[in-house]
Protein backbone atom coordinates (compact mmCIF):
# COMPACT_ATOMS: atom_id res chain seq x y z
CA MET A 1 111.17 109.73 104.00
CA VAL A 2 110.76 105.38 103.45
CA LEU A 3 107.20 106.24 102.99
CA GLU A 4 107.64 108.31 99.85
CA LYS A 5 109.08 105.61 98.37
CA ILE A 6 105.25 103.97 98.07
CA ASN A 7 103.08 105.15 95.39
CA GLU A 8 102.42 101.89 94.28
CA PRO A 9 100.54 98.38 94.79
CA ASP A 10 103.67 96.30 95.88
CA ASP A 11 106.18 98.98 96.30
CA ILE A 12 106.95 97.47 99.32
CA LYS A 13 108.54 94.64 98.47
CA LYS A 14 111.38 96.99 96.95
CA LEU A 15 111.89 98.21 100.52
CA SER A 16 114.47 96.30 102.58
CA GLU A 17 113.92 94.84 105.97
CA ASP A 18 116.25 97.12 108.00
CA GLU A 19 113.44 99.85 106.77
CA LEU A 20 110.56 98.46 107.42
CA PRO A 21 110.87 99.64 111.28
CA LEU A 22 110.88 103.40 110.04
CA LEU A 23 107.75 102.71 107.49
CA ALA A 24 105.96 101.41 110.45
CA ARG A 25 107.17 104.87 112.47
CA GLU A 26 106.50 107.14 109.14
CA LEU A 27 103.09 105.52 108.77
CA ARG A 28 101.74 106.07 112.72
CA GLN A 29 103.08 109.59 112.24
CA PHE A 30 101.37 109.86 109.06
CA ILE A 31 97.59 108.45 110.18
CA VAL A 32 97.90 110.89 113.39
CA LYS A 33 98.50 113.80 111.21
CA ASN A 34 95.88 113.40 109.00
CA VAL A 35 93.25 111.82 111.36
CA SER A 36 94.04 114.90 113.43
CA GLU A 37 92.81 116.96 110.52
CA THR A 38 89.97 114.73 109.24
CA GLY A 39 88.67 112.88 112.14
CA GLY A 40 88.46 109.42 111.50
CA HIS A 41 88.90 105.88 113.60
CA LEU A 42 92.52 106.06 114.97
CA ALA A 43 93.42 104.03 117.91
CA SER A 44 92.60 100.17 115.62
CA ASN A 45 94.59 101.44 112.54
CA LEU A 46 97.73 102.07 115.07
CA GLY A 47 97.19 98.89 116.27
CA ASP A 48 97.90 96.80 112.99
CA ILE A 49 100.40 98.73 111.42
CA GLU A 50 103.13 95.97 111.72
CA LEU A 51 100.42 93.36 110.60
CA THR A 52 99.57 95.25 107.36
CA ILE A 53 103.30 95.67 106.30
CA ALA A 54 103.83 92.01 107.05
CA LEU A 55 100.66 90.82 104.93
CA HIS A 56 101.86 93.55 102.19
CA ARG A 57 105.38 91.70 102.27
CA VAL A 58 103.74 88.40 101.64
CA LEU A 59 100.58 88.99 99.43
CA SER A 60 100.44 90.64 95.94
CA PHE A 61 97.93 93.30 95.03
CA PRO A 62 95.34 93.50 93.78
CA GLU A 63 95.51 90.00 92.46
CA ASP A 64 95.27 88.38 96.15
CA LYS A 65 92.23 89.03 98.21
CA LEU A 66 92.68 90.98 101.86
CA ILE A 67 89.35 91.30 103.33
CA TRP A 68 89.09 93.53 106.67
CA ASP A 69 86.91 92.56 109.66
CA VAL A 70 86.05 95.84 109.90
CA GLY A 71 87.17 98.03 107.27
CA HIS A 72 87.65 100.76 109.20
CA GLN A 73 90.92 99.22 110.50
CA SER A 74 92.35 99.63 106.95
CA TYR A 75 94.19 102.99 107.00
CA ALA A 76 97.51 101.45 106.22
CA HIS A 77 96.75 99.28 103.77
CA LYS A 78 95.09 102.22 101.57
CA ILE A 79 98.09 104.14 102.03
CA LEU A 80 100.30 100.94 100.79
CA THR A 81 98.34 100.51 97.75
CA GLY A 82 98.55 103.75 96.08
CA ARG A 83 96.38 106.17 97.99
CA ARG A 84 98.98 108.32 100.23
CA ALA A 85 98.77 111.27 98.19
CA GLN A 86 94.59 110.97 98.67
CA PHE A 87 94.58 110.16 102.29
CA ASN A 88 94.22 113.93 103.31
CA THR A 89 90.71 113.90 101.74
CA LEU A 90 89.68 111.14 104.25
CA ARG A 91 85.89 110.62 104.94
CA GLN A 92 85.60 114.17 103.40
CA LYS A 93 82.41 114.50 100.72
CA GLY A 94 84.08 112.74 97.48
CA GLY A 95 87.42 111.52 99.14
CA ILE A 96 88.92 108.45 99.98
CA THR A 97 86.33 106.47 102.71
CA GLY A 98 86.91 105.29 105.93
CA PHE A 99 86.24 101.66 104.82
CA SER A 100 87.26 99.18 102.53
CA ASN A 101 85.43 99.63 99.34
CA PRO A 102 86.31 98.20 96.02
CA LYS A 103 85.11 100.90 94.13
CA GLU A 104 87.73 103.17 95.47
CA SER A 105 90.86 100.61 94.30
CA ASP A 106 90.90 97.18 92.85
CA CYS A 107 92.89 96.30 95.93
CA ASP A 108 90.00 96.61 98.55
CA ALA A 109 88.18 93.02 98.29
CA PHE A 110 84.74 93.75 99.81
CA ILE A 111 82.90 96.86 101.59
CA SER A 112 83.18 96.16 104.96
CA GLY A 113 81.40 98.19 107.53
CA HIS A 114 79.88 96.44 109.71
CA SER A 115 81.51 93.72 112.16
CA SER A 116 81.86 89.66 111.82
CA THR A 117 81.50 89.28 108.24
CA SER A 118 85.24 88.81 107.01
CA ILE A 119 85.31 84.99 107.32
CA SER A 120 81.40 84.26 105.43
CA THR A 121 83.31 86.86 102.97
CA ALA A 122 86.94 85.16 102.50
CA LEU A 123 85.04 81.69 102.48
CA GLY A 124 82.91 83.00 99.85
CA PHE A 125 85.54 83.94 97.85
CA ALA A 126 87.77 80.61 98.31
CA LYS A 127 84.86 78.91 96.90
CA ALA A 128 84.71 80.97 93.77
CA ARG A 129 88.20 80.32 93.42
CA GLU A 130 87.93 76.75 93.38
CA LEU A 131 85.43 76.81 91.06
CA THR A 132 87.33 78.87 88.67
CA GLY A 133 90.59 77.59 88.86
CA ASP A 134 92.59 80.88 90.28
CA ARG A 135 95.55 80.61 92.45
CA GLU A 136 95.49 84.05 94.42
CA ASN A 137 95.63 83.83 98.24
CA ILE A 138 92.55 84.85 100.25
CA VAL A 139 93.23 86.38 103.75
CA ALA A 140 90.67 87.80 106.32
CA VAL A 141 91.65 90.04 109.10
CA ILE A 142 89.07 89.62 112.27
CA GLY A 143 89.65 91.62 115.41
CA ASP A 144 88.95 90.19 118.79
CA GLY A 145 85.63 92.10 119.45
CA ALA A 146 83.75 90.71 115.89
CA MET A 147 84.53 87.22 117.46
CA THR A 148 81.67 88.00 119.82
CA GLY A 149 79.50 88.07 116.76
CA GLY A 150 77.66 84.80 115.95
CA LEU A 151 78.03 85.26 111.90
CA ALA A 152 82.00 84.62 112.55
CA TYR A 153 81.29 81.07 113.90
CA GLU A 154 78.76 80.29 111.41
CA ALA A 155 81.35 80.82 108.95
CA LEU A 156 84.19 79.36 110.94
CA ASN A 157 81.93 76.13 111.15
CA ASN A 158 81.40 76.19 107.47
CA ALA A 159 85.05 76.49 106.81
CA SER A 160 85.80 73.28 108.53
CA THR A 161 84.82 71.56 104.93
CA LEU A 162 87.12 73.49 103.28
CA ARG A 163 90.32 71.88 101.56
CA SER A 164 92.03 74.56 99.76
CA ASN A 165 93.86 77.48 101.48
CA LEU A 166 92.48 80.34 103.41
CA THR A 167 93.87 82.35 106.21
CA ILE A 168 92.28 84.10 108.91
CA ILE A 169 94.31 86.37 110.90
CA LEU A 170 92.84 87.25 114.65
CA ASN A 171 93.69 90.33 115.55
CA ASP A 172 93.81 90.30 119.18
CA ASN A 173 93.98 93.37 120.87
CA GLN A 174 91.56 92.88 123.45
CA MET A 175 88.91 95.72 122.16
CA SER A 176 86.51 96.57 119.74
CA ILE A 177 85.23 99.54 120.46
CA SER A 178 84.87 99.39 124.42
CA PRO A 179 86.55 96.05 125.64
CA ASN A 180 85.26 93.14 125.44
CA VAL A 181 83.37 90.63 126.95
CA GLY A 182 82.02 86.74 126.98
CA GLY A 183 83.47 83.49 126.98
CA MET A 184 85.43 84.06 123.47
CA SER A 185 86.86 87.06 125.02
CA GLU A 186 88.30 85.12 128.16
CA HIS A 187 89.17 82.08 126.27
CA LEU A 188 91.62 84.51 124.15
CA ALA A 189 93.16 86.00 127.44
CA LYS A 190 93.76 82.32 128.37
CA LEU A 191 95.46 82.05 125.21
CA ARG A 192 97.13 85.60 125.13
CA THR A 193 99.02 84.90 128.79
CA SER A 194 98.67 80.96 129.28
CA GLU A 195 102.12 80.18 131.27
CA GLN A 196 101.21 76.45 129.81
CA TYR A 197 101.51 78.16 125.91
CA THR A 198 104.16 80.40 126.45
CA GLY A 199 106.40 78.61 129.16
CA LEU A 200 105.65 74.74 129.70
CA LYS A 201 105.52 73.93 126.28
CA SER A 202 109.00 75.07 125.84
CA ASP A 203 110.04 73.37 129.00
CA MET A 204 108.35 70.17 127.73
CA GLU A 205 110.44 70.48 124.30
CA GLU A 206 113.56 71.22 126.18
CA SER A 207 113.15 67.97 128.52
CA LEU A 208 111.92 65.59 125.89
CA ARG A 209 115.11 66.50 123.58
CA ARG A 210 117.12 65.41 126.63
CA VAL A 211 116.16 61.63 126.79
CA PRO A 212 116.52 59.16 123.87
CA GLY A 213 113.90 59.16 121.35
CA GLY A 214 112.66 62.32 122.54
CA GLU A 215 113.07 64.19 119.23
CA ASN A 216 110.82 61.63 117.40
CA VAL A 217 108.20 62.46 120.19
CA ILE A 218 108.39 66.33 119.85
CA HIS A 219 107.98 65.63 115.72
CA PHE A 220 105.09 63.73 116.44
CA LEU A 221 103.37 65.70 119.03
CA ARG A 222 103.79 68.55 116.54
CA HIS A 223 102.03 66.90 113.41
CA ALA A 224 99.15 65.30 115.35
CA LYS A 225 95.94 66.09 115.08
CA ASN A 226 96.00 66.72 118.92
CA GLY A 227 99.21 68.20 119.16
CA ILE A 228 101.12 69.61 121.88
CA LYS A 229 98.93 72.57 121.71
CA GLN A 230 95.73 70.60 122.28
CA LEU A 231 97.67 69.14 125.38
CA LEU A 232 98.91 72.37 126.79
CA VAL A 233 96.12 74.65 125.83
CA PRO A 234 92.65 74.38 127.55
CA GLY A 235 89.84 74.69 124.78
CA MET A 236 91.44 74.82 121.75
CA ILE A 237 88.36 76.00 120.12
CA PHE A 238 89.50 76.68 116.43
CA GLU A 239 91.27 73.23 115.98
CA ASN A 240 88.27 71.35 117.45
CA LEU A 241 86.27 73.30 114.59
CA GLY A 242 88.52 72.29 111.76
CA VAL A 243 90.88 75.05 111.36
CA MET A 244 94.53 74.71 112.15
CA TYR A 245 95.53 77.34 114.70
CA LEU A 246 99.11 79.16 114.80
CA GLY A 247 100.23 81.50 117.57
CA PRO A 248 100.06 83.82 119.30
CA VAL A 249 102.55 85.85 117.65
CA ASP A 250 103.44 89.55 118.20
CA GLY A 251 101.73 91.45 116.23
CA HIS A 252 104.33 94.25 116.34
CA ASP A 253 107.25 92.06 115.10
CA ILE A 254 107.24 92.56 110.95
CA GLU A 255 109.64 89.53 110.69
CA ALA A 256 107.74 87.38 112.78
CA MET A 257 104.51 87.97 111.17
CA THR A 258 105.91 87.59 107.87
CA ARG A 259 107.51 84.04 108.19
CA ILE A 260 104.40 82.56 110.03
CA ILE A 261 101.56 84.73 107.16
CA GLY A 262 103.75 83.08 104.77
CA ARG A 263 103.94 79.40 106.14
CA ALA A 264 100.16 79.68 106.61
CA LEU A 265 99.42 80.44 102.90
CA LYS A 266 101.23 77.18 102.16
CA TYR A 267 99.10 75.14 104.40
CA ARG A 268 95.87 73.38 102.53
CA GLY A 269 93.03 74.13 104.48
CA PRO A 270 91.84 76.88 106.89
CA VAL A 271 94.32 78.44 108.92
CA LEU A 272 93.70 80.88 111.79
CA ILE A 273 96.79 83.27 112.53
CA HIS A 274 96.51 84.57 116.69
CA VAL A 275 98.39 88.03 116.50
CA ILE A 276 98.59 89.82 119.43
CA THR A 277 98.60 94.06 119.10
CA LYS A 278 98.01 96.87 121.33
CA LYS A 279 95.27 99.28 120.11
CA GLY A 280 96.57 102.84 119.71
CA LYS A 281 100.16 102.06 119.65
CA GLY A 282 102.80 104.77 118.98
CA TYR A 283 100.48 107.65 119.92
CA ARG A 284 100.19 107.78 123.68
CA PRO A 285 96.45 109.30 124.28
CA ALA A 286 95.27 106.58 122.15
CA GLU A 287 97.21 104.30 123.86
CA LYS A 288 95.64 105.41 127.24
CA ASN A 289 92.18 106.00 126.42
CA PRO A 290 91.45 103.63 122.68
CA SER A 291 87.87 103.89 123.41
CA LEU A 292 88.20 107.21 122.75
CA PHE A 293 90.11 107.39 120.09
CA HIS A 294 88.15 104.65 118.33
CA GLY A 295 86.22 107.02 116.01
CA VAL A 296 87.22 110.59 116.80
CA GLY A 297 86.69 114.03 115.31
CA PRO A 298 90.01 116.34 114.37
CA PHE A 299 92.32 116.73 117.52
CA ASP A 300 95.40 118.64 119.04
CA ILE A 301 98.10 116.12 118.43
CA LYS A 302 100.29 117.24 121.26
CA THR A 303 97.23 117.01 124.06
CA GLY A 304 94.85 114.60 122.23
CA ARG A 305 92.12 117.02 123.17
CA GLN A 306 89.32 116.93 120.32
CA LYS A 307 88.67 120.41 118.66
CA ASN A 308 85.18 121.75 117.81
CA LEU A 309 83.36 120.25 120.60
CA ASN A 310 79.32 120.36 120.95
CA GLU A 311 78.17 123.52 122.54
CA TYR A 312 75.16 122.00 123.53
CA PRO A 313 74.45 118.09 124.59
CA THR A 314 74.22 115.70 122.09
CA TYR A 315 70.81 113.45 121.70
CA THR A 316 72.99 110.41 123.12
CA GLU A 317 73.97 112.60 126.09
CA VAL A 318 70.13 113.30 126.63
CA PHE A 319 68.73 110.03 126.28
CA SER A 320 71.84 108.69 128.58
CA LYS A 321 70.43 111.49 131.29
CA ALA A 322 66.80 110.44 130.93
CA LEU A 323 67.42 106.46 131.42
CA VAL A 324 69.40 106.88 134.49
CA ARG A 325 66.62 108.67 135.73
CA ASN A 326 64.13 106.30 134.64
CA ALA A 327 66.46 103.82 136.37
CA GLU A 328 66.48 105.64 139.60
CA GLN A 329 62.56 105.58 139.60
CA ASN A 330 62.16 101.88 138.63
CA ASP A 331 64.57 99.27 139.36
CA ARG A 332 62.92 96.68 136.98
CA VAL A 333 64.52 99.25 133.79
CA VAL A 334 67.61 97.69 132.56
CA ALA A 335 69.61 98.88 129.89
CA VAL A 336 71.04 96.48 126.48
CA THR A 337 73.78 97.19 124.53
CA ALA A 338 75.86 95.24 121.63
CA ALA A 339 79.16 96.45 122.81
CA MET A 340 78.69 100.01 122.46
CA ALA A 341 78.16 101.13 126.22
CA LEU A 342 80.17 103.98 125.23
CA GLY A 343 78.43 105.03 121.66
CA CYS A 344 75.41 104.54 122.79
CA GLY A 345 75.26 106.76 126.33
CA LEU A 346 75.43 103.61 128.46
CA LYS A 347 78.54 104.42 130.49
CA GLU A 348 76.72 106.00 133.20
CA PHE A 349 74.04 103.65 133.91
CA LYS A 350 77.12 100.73 133.75
CA LYS A 351 78.89 102.12 136.35
CA LEU A 352 75.27 103.15 138.56
CA PHE A 353 73.37 99.95 138.15
CA PRO A 354 76.35 97.13 137.15
CA ASP A 355 73.89 94.64 137.64
CA ARG A 356 71.33 95.75 135.48
CA PHE A 357 73.74 96.32 132.92
CA PHE A 358 74.16 93.81 129.88
CA ASP A 359 76.66 94.02 127.21
CA VAL A 360 76.15 90.90 125.14
CA GLY A 361 78.94 91.61 122.43
CA ILE A 362 78.55 92.38 118.73
CA ALA A 363 75.53 90.26 118.66
CA GLU A 364 72.64 92.36 118.02
CA ALA A 365 70.08 89.65 116.91
CA HIS A 366 70.82 87.99 120.31
CA ALA A 367 70.54 91.34 121.74
CA VAL A 368 67.13 91.72 120.23
CA THR A 369 66.01 88.29 121.34
CA PHE A 370 67.38 88.61 124.61
CA SER A 371 65.85 91.84 125.76
CA SER A 372 62.26 90.12 124.65
CA ALA A 373 63.17 87.21 127.16
CA LEU A 374 64.20 90.09 129.94
CA ALA A 375 60.53 91.77 129.24
CA GLU A 376 58.56 88.52 129.53
CA GLY A 377 60.53 87.87 132.66
CA GLY A 378 59.03 90.98 134.11
CA MET A 379 61.85 93.27 133.32
CA VAL A 380 61.92 96.68 130.98
CA PRO A 381 64.83 96.74 128.78
CA VAL A 382 66.01 99.34 127.16
CA PHE A 383 68.35 98.21 123.81
CA SER A 384 70.40 101.03 122.87
CA VAL A 385 71.80 100.71 119.47
CA TYR A 386 72.86 102.31 116.50
CA SER A 387 69.89 102.40 113.48
CA SER A 388 72.37 100.73 110.99
CA PHE A 389 73.10 98.01 113.38
CA LEU A 390 69.51 97.52 114.35
CA GLN A 391 69.06 96.35 111.02
CA ARG A 392 71.01 93.08 111.72
CA GLY A 393 68.58 91.95 114.19
CA PHE A 394 65.33 92.39 111.84
CA ASP A 395 64.31 88.63 112.12
CA GLU A 396 64.36 88.74 115.94
CA LEU A 397 62.47 92.01 115.92
CA ILE A 398 59.28 90.18 114.51
CA HIS A 399 59.16 86.88 115.37
CA ASP A 400 60.87 87.34 118.94
CA VAL A 401 59.85 90.91 119.83
CA ALA A 402 56.46 91.84 117.80
CA ILE A 403 54.79 88.41 117.89
CA GLU A 404 55.14 88.19 121.55
CA GLY A 405 54.03 91.69 122.06
CA SER A 406 57.17 92.31 124.40
CA HIS A 407 57.34 95.66 125.93
CA VAL A 408 61.10 95.94 124.84
CA VAL A 409 62.26 99.95 124.32
CA PHE A 410 64.55 99.73 121.27
CA ALA A 411 66.43 103.18 122.05
CA VAL A 412 67.56 103.57 118.09
CA ASP A 413 70.46 106.40 117.97
CA ARG A 414 72.13 107.17 114.74
CA ALA A 415 68.86 107.70 113.01
CA GLY A 416 68.85 109.39 109.87
CA ILE A 417 72.28 110.43 107.92
CA VAL A 418 75.08 110.43 109.83
CA GLY A 419 78.10 111.65 107.95
CA ARG A 420 81.21 111.04 107.45
CA ASP A 421 81.13 107.15 108.23
CA GLY A 422 79.38 106.73 104.81
CA ILE A 423 77.20 104.34 103.10
CA THR A 424 77.11 101.61 105.49
CA HIS A 425 76.15 103.83 108.56
CA GLN A 426 73.61 106.15 107.32
CA GLY A 427 70.33 105.28 109.46
CA ILE A 428 68.01 105.75 106.52
CA PHE A 429 65.93 102.81 106.50
CA ASP A 430 64.51 102.29 110.21
CA ILE A 431 61.55 103.95 109.74
CA SER A 432 60.73 101.68 106.79
CA TYR A 433 61.41 98.11 108.68
CA LEU A 434 60.38 99.33 111.80
CA SER A 435 56.59 100.65 110.73
CA MET A 436 56.09 97.76 108.66
CA ILE A 437 55.89 95.55 111.94
CA PRO A 438 52.40 95.12 113.34
CA GLY A 439 52.48 96.26 116.87
CA MET A 440 55.20 98.24 116.83
CA THR A 441 55.29 101.89 117.77
CA VAL A 442 57.79 104.13 116.21
CA MET A 443 58.41 107.63 118.06
CA ALA A 444 61.15 110.32 117.06
CA PRO A 445 61.26 113.58 119.03
CA LYS A 446 61.62 117.32 117.88
CA ASP A 447 64.21 117.88 120.36
CA ALA A 448 65.95 116.91 122.85
CA GLN A 449 63.03 117.69 125.72
CA GLU A 450 60.87 115.85 123.68
CA LEU A 451 63.19 112.70 123.79
CA SER A 452 63.47 112.57 127.42
CA ASP A 453 59.64 112.69 127.55
CA MET A 454 59.34 109.73 124.87
CA LEU A 455 61.76 107.79 127.15
CA ASP A 456 59.64 108.31 130.05
CA PHE A 457 56.32 107.67 127.86
CA ALA A 458 57.81 104.45 126.53
CA ILE A 459 59.23 103.02 130.05
CA GLU A 460 55.77 104.11 131.90
CA LYS A 461 53.20 104.13 130.10
CA MET A 462 53.58 101.22 126.91
CA THR A 463 53.17 97.54 127.59
CA SER A 464 54.40 96.80 123.85
CA PRO A 465 57.35 97.37 121.44
CA VAL A 466 58.35 100.60 121.10
CA ALA A 467 61.32 102.23 119.05
CA ILE A 468 62.64 105.75 119.70
CA ARG A 469 64.58 107.26 117.14
CA TYR A 470 67.09 110.00 117.21
CA PRO A 471 69.62 111.43 115.05
CA ARG A 472 73.34 111.97 115.60
CA GLY A 473 75.30 115.13 117.27
CA GLU A 474 74.30 118.07 119.00
CA ALA A 475 70.64 118.17 120.05
CA TYR A 476 68.18 120.37 118.92
CA PHE A 477 65.78 122.51 121.26
CA CYS A 478 62.90 124.21 120.50
CA GLU A 479 61.20 127.28 122.53
CA PRO A 480 60.40 126.22 125.98
CA GLU A 481 56.92 126.69 125.66
CA ARG A 482 56.52 124.44 122.56
CA ARG A 483 55.96 121.46 124.92
CA THR A 484 52.82 119.69 125.24
CA PRO A 485 52.63 116.20 126.70
CA ILE A 486 52.69 112.83 124.60
CA GLU A 487 49.64 111.04 123.85
CA TYR A 488 49.85 107.84 122.20
CA GLY A 489 49.66 108.41 118.46
CA LYS A 490 48.98 111.96 118.32
CA CYS A 491 51.11 114.70 116.67
CA GLU A 492 51.42 117.88 118.23
CA ALA A 493 50.61 121.33 116.33
CA LEU A 494 53.64 124.06 116.71
CA SER A 495 51.89 126.75 114.51
CA GLU A 496 48.76 127.19 112.77
CA PRO A 497 48.37 130.55 110.93
CA LYS A 498 44.79 130.96 110.21
CA ASP A 499 45.58 131.50 106.44
CA ALA A 500 47.73 128.95 105.96
CA LYS A 501 46.90 126.96 103.10
CA VAL A 502 50.15 124.67 102.97
CA MET A 503 50.82 122.12 106.27
CA LEU A 504 54.54 120.95 107.19
CA PHE A 505 53.81 117.25 108.46
CA ALA A 506 57.53 116.79 109.89
CA LEU A 507 58.64 114.03 112.02
CA GLY A 508 61.65 113.86 114.77
CA SER A 509 64.85 115.47 113.18
CA MET A 510 62.88 117.14 110.42
CA VAL A 511 60.66 119.61 112.88
CA GLY A 512 63.32 122.03 113.21
CA CYS A 513 63.70 121.95 109.10
CA ALA A 514 60.06 121.90 108.85
CA ILE A 515 60.23 125.64 111.02
CA ASP A 516 62.93 127.19 109.35
CA ALA A 517 61.35 126.29 105.80
CA ALA A 518 57.82 128.01 107.40
CA VAL A 519 60.21 130.89 107.96
CA ILE A 520 61.91 131.18 104.58
CA LEU A 521 58.36 130.51 103.01
CA LYS A 522 56.59 133.66 104.60
CA ARG A 523 59.19 135.76 102.99
CA THR A 524 57.44 135.21 99.51
CA GLU A 525 53.98 135.61 101.54
CA VAL A 526 53.31 131.64 102.07
CA SER A 527 51.88 130.99 105.25
CA ALA A 528 52.20 127.53 106.68
CA SER A 529 51.48 125.48 109.65
CA VAL A 530 54.15 123.14 111.33
CA VAL A 531 52.89 120.32 112.69
CA ASN A 532 55.04 117.40 115.08
CA ALA A 533 54.11 114.05 113.95
CA ARG A 534 55.69 112.59 116.85
CA PHE A 535 55.00 109.11 115.70
CA ALA A 536 55.83 107.30 112.58
CA SER A 537 53.72 104.50 114.11
CA PRO A 538 50.51 104.90 114.44
CA ILE A 539 50.44 108.26 112.68
CA ASP A 540 47.86 110.41 114.20
CA LYS A 541 44.82 109.67 111.36
CA ASP A 542 41.97 111.59 112.98
CA PHE A 543 44.43 114.92 112.58
CA LEU A 544 44.91 113.79 108.97
CA THR A 545 41.67 113.29 108.03
CA ASN A 546 40.66 117.01 109.55
CA ALA A 547 43.70 118.30 107.62
CA ALA A 548 42.69 116.81 104.32
CA GLU A 549 39.89 118.98 104.51
CA LYS A 550 42.03 122.46 105.40
CA TYR A 551 45.31 122.22 103.48
CA ASP A 552 45.87 122.94 99.57
CA LEU A 553 49.04 121.33 100.19
CA ILE A 554 50.60 118.85 102.31
CA VAL A 555 53.85 118.63 103.17
CA SER A 556 55.71 115.33 104.89
CA LEU A 557 59.36 115.43 106.08
CA GLU A 558 61.15 112.94 107.38
CA GLU A 559 65.01 111.63 107.39
CA ASN A 560 64.35 107.97 105.75
CA VAL A 561 64.27 106.60 102.58
CA ARG A 562 61.23 107.07 100.46
CA SER A 563 60.12 103.19 100.01
CA GLY A 564 57.82 102.12 102.95
CA GLY A 565 58.73 105.41 105.04
CA PHE A 566 56.55 108.10 106.88
CA GLY A 567 55.44 109.85 103.62
CA GLU A 568 54.15 106.61 102.08
CA HIS A 569 51.87 105.92 105.00
CA VAL A 570 51.04 109.69 105.39
CA LEU A 571 49.84 109.69 101.38
CA SER A 572 47.78 106.13 102.25
CA ILE A 573 45.93 107.80 104.74
CA LEU A 574 45.12 111.13 103.03
CA SER A 575 44.28 109.21 100.25
CA ASP A 576 41.55 107.26 101.99
CA ALA A 577 40.30 110.55 103.52
CA GLY A 578 39.25 111.73 99.83
CA TYR A 579 42.20 114.24 99.87
CA LYS A 580 41.97 116.36 96.94
CA GLY A 581 45.26 118.63 97.53
CA LYS A 582 48.58 118.60 95.99
CA PHE A 583 50.99 116.61 98.45
CA ILE A 584 54.67 116.56 98.71
CA ASN A 585 57.07 113.66 100.13
CA ILE A 586 60.29 114.94 101.54
CA SER A 587 62.41 111.94 102.05
CA ILE A 588 65.66 110.54 101.15
CA PRO A 589 65.58 109.07 97.48
CA ASP A 590 65.90 105.41 97.08
CA GLU A 591 69.59 105.40 96.99
CA PHE A 592 72.30 104.53 99.08
CA VAL A 593 73.87 107.63 100.41
CA PRO A 594 78.06 108.31 100.44
CA GLN A 595 80.41 110.65 103.14
CA GLY A 596 80.37 114.15 103.86
CA SER A 597 79.34 116.60 106.44
CA VAL A 598 75.73 116.00 107.68
CA GLU A 599 75.17 119.52 106.14
CA GLU A 600 76.54 118.79 102.88
CA LEU A 601 74.26 115.34 102.69
CA CYS A 602 71.01 116.89 103.78
CA CYS A 603 71.24 119.31 100.93
CA ASP A 604 72.60 116.85 98.30
CA VAL A 605 69.50 114.54 98.74
CA GLY A 606 67.09 117.53 99.38
CA ILE A 607 65.83 117.46 102.88
CA ASP A 608 67.57 121.10 103.83
CA ALA A 609 65.11 123.76 104.70
CA ASP A 610 66.15 125.43 101.35
CA SER A 611 65.76 122.60 99.48
CA VAL A 612 62.04 122.21 101.22
CA ALA A 613 60.99 125.91 100.71
CA SER A 614 61.91 125.87 97.21
CA ARG A 615 60.18 122.73 96.33
CA ILE A 616 56.76 123.97 98.08
CA GLU A 617 57.12 127.75 96.16
CA GLU A 618 57.36 125.69 92.66
CA ALA A 619 54.49 123.39 93.68
CA LEU A 620 52.74 126.57 94.55
CA GLY A 621 54.04 128.66 91.34
CA VAL A 622 55.20 131.56 94.01
CA LYS A 623 58.76 131.18 92.23
CA GLU A 624 57.04 132.14 88.75
CA ASP A 625 55.09 135.14 90.22
CA THR A 626 57.89 136.77 92.11
CA ASP A 627 60.39 137.21 89.27
CA GLU A 628 57.58 138.29 87.49
CA LYS A 629 57.13 141.06 89.95
CA LYS A 630 60.54 141.49 89.59
CA ALA A 631 60.73 141.81 86.18
């Protein structure tokens, strides 16, 4: 196997030209085999195999800097830089990460988990290179989906002032997670298919060669600032920004890409190479359904069918059905997404209400402000967004939503620990950054039914901004009788034994944990009340004030970092109420959480039922008493 010859960075340079197509084929087979077992981002990685090979033929690692946007498309790069033997640990606890990460290898220049950042990052490295006098090459690989994000244009605008080399690879596969939208997508489609560029350019050159002096005209047009591309391709946006444009080039032609990348690296100034690739290339199920295979769990290679499918609906599916039902009943309900229609459960809404569905591209900050204006214009916008992506619109949450008091509903998906996507995707900060905003209501359902009820409440009863946070994956279901109507700012007591001196005050996903912990405690004769907080902001002060007189130990439980979180607000209320008992804040330590299964990570950070019960028993001295009786 050719792939077995690749064990160290730059081993690829020892291969012959004839071996490169074989290497591409083996890389695809290797990635499909491993991702079918571990899960991961498949379609994007299958699409950039030849591009990665060409880059590695030209660049030298770890000296040169290659910045991926987003880093989940760097699987082939990981393998070609000496991580093939560890690739079966992809996204597993303690294994190699699913994104680029310099802590994993010095061949990775930068942690890249969110979109549209690569040009800014590359520009920073280029400026640092100027100041230090180094000579390394710096290349950013950015997808056309990421070009829907405003940060990319801020960086392009700044890059025009650069006089030293910076190479930008625009990996154009017509997709982000879902099909791309917007003006840039349409512009790139014109470049992709333009007869003017692919046909007329050649015809004009051929005609000029037939007339006296024609070669001189061709030479002039090629080197003039407004050259033949400017004449023949409408709206050469990149060159108008001062960035030299090369392409389009076939992204699966290793020889052509190696040649054009080598040419770009010699140019003084910023260069953008437009590369056309096919997402999912080489694996038919991923080619047919690239959105499904963007991020996929373990699957059967022959059929492409996923293994370990959920027995119960996911929270995203529950949200999807509830939103559609609300839209059927209220024609002012609209849905907004930032290029995440499939991931955020808006596919059915889009199908049924296309005029009330808005995909703004990978532009969360814009989505927040856009939603606020929709609300001020008389609509009820529901912006469905991952927790770790919403934080990209934090300024707009304050300035354009909260200050306006706009009735925007934020459906905050993937709140809490998300698992194998790791450090950049854990949704563990949203309670802190949302609850600090004046006028922002923050809710979290205990189970699937309550998520549906909360969405109804947020749409029908609220007139100000409200966020509903819910976790990734299979939905939790409480017993049917544990369902009471939502009241603004009020919690829900699920169990209150008469002899209970311990209260578990749990928010959202931690209610199930609290119920399980109470069962464990009962085995050691500790009776505990379980209360569903429902609201992270405002918290039910009246209930907590009464609880301060009743319980010897109060425990807050949340799936969020400690600083600025639910527990700190609970403790503040109890302190104001003169609480004299003990208090335990069950939350995630103020640190970034790495990759692993959700179960493993919850255990590691101490928010699983066993850990909660153990801390309570320790605080009460129960364990010591039990051990003494056994002795």
